[in-house]
Amino acid sequence: MQEAVGVGMRGSDVITVTASRLHIPDKIIIKISISSTVDKLKEIISDRLKLPPETIKIMYKGRVLHGSTLKAQNMENDAKVVVLYTSNIDKNSALYLAMAGHFPQIESSELAQIVQRFLYIVDQRVKRMSLDDLENYARVVNRNTNT
């Protein structure tokens, strides 16, 4: 079980939200301001799951949440939400096909999620790199491909 704690929130406006995924036992417990947006909750959940926010949907009391605040969605303390993953991976991409060749025992939908997580992690790491780091990396790659 993972726990995320929000920063700079007053105790009276903080609620606890438990996020779970269908058929996956792990749960994420989040403390978040009731005045936070659905997008902020989605951002926290996607960060914990290592999936881009645009690939997940959050359901609360049988409906998919969109855009407004948690308060406007009538979310209460100890709310339970379900996280739905929607793949946007091209199953004909070189990365997907290479992984499918190496891991034929993994189901297609699960493999798409693994590829999505891999791309998300790479994207997050590249965003943290400085321009000097990126230039050094490019030099190493070019040196290795030219030999």
C-alpha atoms as a PDB file:
ATOM      1  CA  MET A   1       0.000   0.000   0.000  1.00  0.00           C
ATOM      2  CA  GLN A   2       1.389   3.409  -0.952  1.00  0.00           C
ATOM      3  CA  GLU A   3       0.555   6.658   0.771  1.00  0.00           C
ATOM      4  CA  ALA A   4       0.786  10.140  -0.669  1.00  0.00           C
ATOM      5  CA  VAL A   5       0.505  13.129   1.611  1.00  0.00           C
ATOM      6  CA  GLY A   6      -0.379  16.565   0.276  1.00  0.00           C
ATOM      7  CA  VAL A   7       1.640  19.605   1.269  1.00  0.00           C
ATOM      8  CA  GLY A   8       0.319  22.876   2.661  1.00  0.00           C
ATOM      9  CA  MET A   9      -3.183  21.665   3.470  1.00  0.00           C
ATOM     10  CA  ARG A  10      -5.260  22.618   6.474  1.00  0.00           C
ATOM     11  CA  GLY A  11      -6.416  19.675   8.554  1.00  0.00           C
ATOM     12  CA  SER A  12     -10.115  20.507   8.248  1.00  0.00           C
ATOM     13  CA  ASP A  13     -10.170  20.441   4.484  1.00  0.00           C
ATOM     14  CA  VAL A  14      -8.087  17.277   4.045  1.00  0.00           C
ATOM     15  CA  ILE A  15      -9.761  14.031   3.065  1.00  0.00           C
ATOM     16  CA  THR A  16      -8.385  10.531   2.632  1.00  0.00           C
ATOM     17  CA  VAL A  17      -8.969   8.858  -0.719  1.00  0.00           C
ATOM     18  CA  THR A  18      -8.214   5.192  -1.365  1.00  0.00           C
ATOM     19  CA  ALA A  19      -7.539   4.424  -5.016  1.00  0.00           C
ATOM     20  CA  SER A  20      -7.576   0.869  -6.322  1.00  0.00           C
ATOM     21  CA  ARG A  21      -7.485  -0.808  -9.694  1.00  0.00           C
ATOM     22  CA  LEU A  22      -9.656  -3.670 -10.839  1.00  0.00           C
ATOM     23  CA  HIS A  23      -8.041  -7.085 -10.317  1.00  0.00           C
ATOM     24  CA  ILE A  24      -4.963  -5.537  -8.645  1.00  0.00           C
ATOM     25  CA  PRO A  25      -4.707  -5.872  -4.851  1.00  0.00           C
ATOM     26  CA  ASP A  26      -2.455  -2.832  -4.229  1.00  0.00           C
ATOM     27  CA  LYS A  27      -4.172   0.320  -3.040  1.00  0.00           C
ATOM     28  CA  ILE A  28      -2.950   3.905  -2.947  1.00  0.00           C
ATOM     29  CA  ILE A  29      -3.950   6.037   0.026  1.00  0.00           C
ATOM     30  CA  ILE A  30      -3.926   9.766  -0.657  1.00  0.00           C
ATOM     31  CA  LYS A  31      -4.478  12.685   1.682  1.00  0.00           C
ATOM     32  CA  ILE A  32      -5.707  15.598  -0.397  1.00  0.00           C
ATOM     33  CA  SER A  33      -7.580  18.863   0.010  1.00  0.00           C
ATOM     34  CA  ILE A  34     -11.296  18.655  -0.730  1.00  0.00           C
ATOM     35  CA  SER A  35     -10.837  21.840  -2.784  1.00  0.00           C
ATOM     36  CA  SER A  36      -8.280  20.128  -5.058  1.00  0.00           C
ATOM     37  CA  THR A  37      -9.280  19.378  -8.610  1.00  0.00           C
ATOM     38  CA  VAL A  38      -9.976  15.984 -10.116  1.00  0.00           C
ATOM     39  CA  ASP A  39      -6.964  16.630 -12.358  1.00  0.00           C
ATOM     40  CA  LYS A  40      -4.732  17.054  -9.277  1.00  0.00           C
ATOM     41  CA  LEU A  41      -5.975  13.737  -7.862  1.00  0.00           C
ATOM     42  CA  LYS A  42      -5.394  12.128 -11.255  1.00  0.00           C
ATOM     43  CA  GLU A  43      -1.856  13.580 -11.345  1.00  0.00           C
ATOM     44  CA  ILE A  44      -1.035  12.124  -7.906  1.00  0.00           C
ATOM     45  CA  ILE A  45      -2.449   8.715  -8.811  1.00  0.00           C
ATOM     46  CA  SER A  46      -0.733   8.609 -12.202  1.00  0.00           C
ATOM     47  CA  ASP A  47       2.588   9.517 -10.583  1.00  0.00           C
ATOM     48  CA  ARG A  48       2.255   6.632  -8.102  1.00  0.00           C
ATOM     49  CA  LEU A  49       1.255   4.190 -10.856  1.00  0.00           C
ATOM     50  CA  LYS A  50       3.941   5.501 -13.238  1.00  0.00           C
ATOM     51  CA  LEU A  51       1.343   6.045 -15.947  1.00  0.00           C
ATOM     52  CA  PRO A  52       0.566   9.258 -17.857  1.00  0.00           C
ATOM     53  CA  PRO A  53      -2.533  11.040 -16.505  1.00  0.00           C
ATOM     54  CA  GLU A  54      -4.210  10.882 -19.916  1.00  0.00           C
ATOM     55  CA  THR A  55      -4.225   7.065 -19.742  1.00  0.00           C
ATOM     56  CA  ILE A  56      -6.257   6.807 -16.545  1.00  0.00           C
ATOM     57  CA  LYS A  57      -9.839   7.550 -15.570  1.00  0.00           C
ATOM     58  CA  ILE A  58     -11.086   7.874 -12.007  1.00  0.00           C
ATOM     59  CA  MET A  59     -14.487   6.502 -11.019  1.00  0.00           C
ATOM     60  CA  TYR A  60     -16.306   7.502  -7.859  1.00  0.00           C
ATOM     61  CA  LYS A  61     -19.728   6.135  -6.943  1.00  0.00           C
ATOM     62  CA  GLY A  62     -20.214   4.675 -10.402  1.00  0.00           C
ATOM     63  CA  ARG A  63     -19.335   7.702 -12.493  1.00  0.00           C
ATOM     64  CA  VAL A  64     -16.165   8.917 -14.194  1.00  0.00           C
ATOM     65  CA  LEU A  65     -14.868  12.132 -12.641  1.00  0.00           C
ATOM     66  CA  HIS A  66     -14.027  15.125 -14.815  1.00  0.00           C
ATOM     67  CA  GLY A  67     -12.543  18.570 -14.386  1.00  0.00           C
ATOM     68  CA  SER A  68     -14.099  20.128 -11.290  1.00  0.00           C
ATOM     69  CA  THR A  69     -13.081  20.025  -7.635  1.00  0.00           C
ATOM     70  CA  LEU A  70     -13.424  17.010  -5.376  1.00  0.00           C
ATOM     71  CA  LYS A  71     -15.930  18.990  -3.312  1.00  0.00           C
ATOM     72  CA  ALA A  72     -18.068  19.640  -6.418  1.00  0.00           C
ATOM     73  CA  GLN A  73     -18.003  15.880  -7.040  1.00  0.00           C
ATOM     74  CA  ASN A  74     -19.412  15.362  -3.499  1.00  0.00           C
ATOM     75  CA  MET A  75     -16.347  13.384  -2.494  1.00  0.00           C
ATOM     76  CA  GLU A  76     -16.235  12.554   1.205  1.00  0.00           C
ATOM     77  CA  ASN A  77     -13.518  11.550   3.644  1.00  0.00           C
ATOM     78  CA  ASP A  78     -12.464   7.897   3.263  1.00  0.00           C
ATOM     79  CA  ALA A  79     -13.686   7.931  -0.341  1.00  0.00           C
ATOM     80  CA  LYS A  80     -12.917   4.901  -2.445  1.00  0.00           C
ATOM     81  CA  VAL A  81     -12.174   5.449  -6.115  1.00  0.00           C
ATOM     82  CA  VAL A  82     -11.490   2.994  -8.909  1.00  0.00           C
ATOM     83  CA  VAL A  83      -8.720   3.757 -11.382  1.00  0.00           C
ATOM     84  CA  LEU A  84      -9.284   2.586 -14.942  1.00  0.00           C
ATOM     85  CA  TYR A  85      -6.349   2.274 -17.334  1.00  0.00           C
ATOM     86  CA  THR A  86      -6.941   3.067 -21.001  1.00  0.00           C
ATOM     87  CA  SER A  87      -4.011   2.179 -23.226  1.00  0.00           C
ATOM     88  CA  ASN A  88      -2.917   4.482 -25.997  1.00  0.00           C
ATOM     89  CA  ILE A  89       0.017   2.294 -27.054  1.00  0.00           C
ATOM     90  CA  ASP A  90       0.440   1.486 -30.729  1.00  0.00           C
ATOM     91  CA  LYS A  91       0.712  -2.291 -30.788  1.00  0.00           C
ATOM     92  CA  ASN A  92       2.609  -2.057 -34.071  1.00  0.00           C
ATOM     93  CA  SER A  93       5.345   0.178 -32.619  1.00  0.00           C
ATOM     94  CA  ALA A  94       8.906  -1.127 -32.619  1.00  0.00           C
ATOM     95  CA  LEU A  95       9.092  -1.034 -28.800  1.00  0.00           C
ATOM     96  CA  TYR A  96       5.841  -2.960 -28.306  1.00  0.00           C
ATOM     97  CA  LEU A  97       6.768  -5.573 -30.914  1.00  0.00           C
ATOM     98  CA  ALA A  98      10.272  -6.012 -29.457  1.00  0.00           C
ATOM     99  CA  MET A  99       8.879  -6.522 -25.951  1.00  0.00           C
ATOM    100  CA  ALA A 100       6.184  -8.873 -27.252  1.00  0.00           C
ATOM    101  CA  GLY A 101       8.927 -10.938 -28.895  1.00  0.00           C
ATOM    102  CA  HIS A 102      10.913 -11.143 -25.657  1.00  0.00           C
ATOM    103  CA  PHE A 103       7.913 -11.737 -23.398  1.00  0.00           C
ATOM    104  CA  PRO A 104       5.404 -13.870 -25.343  1.00  0.00           C
ATOM    105  CA  GLN A 105       3.886 -15.154 -22.087  1.00  0.00           C
ATOM    106  CA  ILE A 106       2.600 -11.683 -21.135  1.00  0.00           C
ATOM    107  CA  GLU A 107      -0.974 -10.869 -22.129  1.00  0.00           C
ATOM    108  CA  SER A 108      -1.400  -8.077 -24.699  1.00  0.00           C
ATOM    109  CA  SER A 109      -3.209  -5.628 -22.376  1.00  0.00           C
ATOM    110  CA  GLU A 110      -0.642  -6.145 -19.617  1.00  0.00           C
ATOM    111  CA  LEU A 111       2.238  -5.690 -22.064  1.00  0.00           C
ATOM    112  CA  ALA A 112       0.707  -2.409 -23.282  1.00  0.00           C
ATOM    113  CA  GLN A 113       0.680  -1.199 -19.680  1.00  0.00           C
ATOM    114  CA  ILE A 114       4.325  -2.227 -19.183  1.00  0.00           C
ATOM    115  CA  VAL A 115       5.329  -0.352 -22.344  1.00  0.00           C
ATOM    116  CA  GLN A 116       3.307   2.679 -21.166  1.00  0.00           C
ATOM    117  CA  ARG A 117       5.053   2.658 -17.770  1.00  0.00           C
ATOM    118  CA  PHE A 118       8.466   2.319 -19.426  1.00  0.00           C
ATOM    119  CA  LEU A 119       7.783   5.306 -21.692  1.00  0.00           C
ATOM    120  CA  TYR A 120       6.465   7.340 -18.746  1.00  0.00           C
ATOM    121  CA  ILE A 121       9.566   6.644 -16.640  1.00  0.00           C
ATOM    122  CA  VAL A 122      11.907   7.489 -19.524  1.00  0.00           C
ATOM    123  CA  ASP A 123       9.967  10.701 -20.177  1.00  0.00           C
ATOM    124  CA  GLN A 124      10.150  11.730 -16.503  1.00  0.00           C
ATOM    125  CA  ARG A 125      13.899  11.065 -16.359  1.00  0.00           C
ATOM    126  CA  VAL A 126      14.598  12.970 -19.561  1.00  0.00           C
ATOM    127  CA  LYS A 127      12.622  15.951 -18.226  1.00  0.00           C
ATOM    128  CA  ARG A 128      14.896  16.023 -15.153  1.00  0.00           C
ATOM    129  CA  MET A 129      18.083  15.993 -17.232  1.00  0.00           C
ATOM    130  CA  SER A 130      19.987  19.198 -17.908  1.00  0.00           C
ATOM    131  CA  LEU A 131      20.962  20.214 -21.423  1.00  0.00           C
ATOM    132  CA  ASP A 132      24.558  19.199 -20.607  1.00  0.00           C
ATOM    133  CA  ASP A 133      23.374  15.742 -19.513  1.00  0.00           C
ATOM    134  CA  LEU A 134      21.402  15.331 -22.739  1.00  0.00           C
ATOM    135  CA  GLU A 135      24.392  16.413 -24.854  1.00  0.00           C
ATOM    136  CA  ASN A 136      26.681  13.965 -23.019  1.00  0.00           C
ATOM    137  CA  TYR A 137      24.165  11.175 -23.507  1.00  0.00           C
ATOM    138  CA  ALA A 138      23.896  11.968 -27.229  1.00  0.00           C
ATOM    139  CA  ARG A 139      27.708  11.868 -27.538  1.00  0.00           C
ATOM    140  CA  VAL A 140      27.867   8.436 -25.878  1.00  0.00           C
ATOM    141  CA  VAL A 141      25.073   7.048 -28.062  1.00  0.00           C
ATOM    142  CA  ASN A 142      26.644   8.453 -31.232  1.00  0.00           C
ATOM    143  CA  ARG A 143      30.059   7.091 -30.264  1.00  0.00           C
ATOM    144  CA  ASN A 144      28.579   3.619 -29.646  1.00  0.00           C
ATOM    145  CA  THR A 145      26.628   3.572 -32.920  1.00  0.00           C
ATOM    146  CA  ASN A 146      29.632   4.723 -34.967  1.00  0.00           C
ATOM    147  CA  THR A 147      31.897   1.894 -33.777  1.00  0.00           C
END
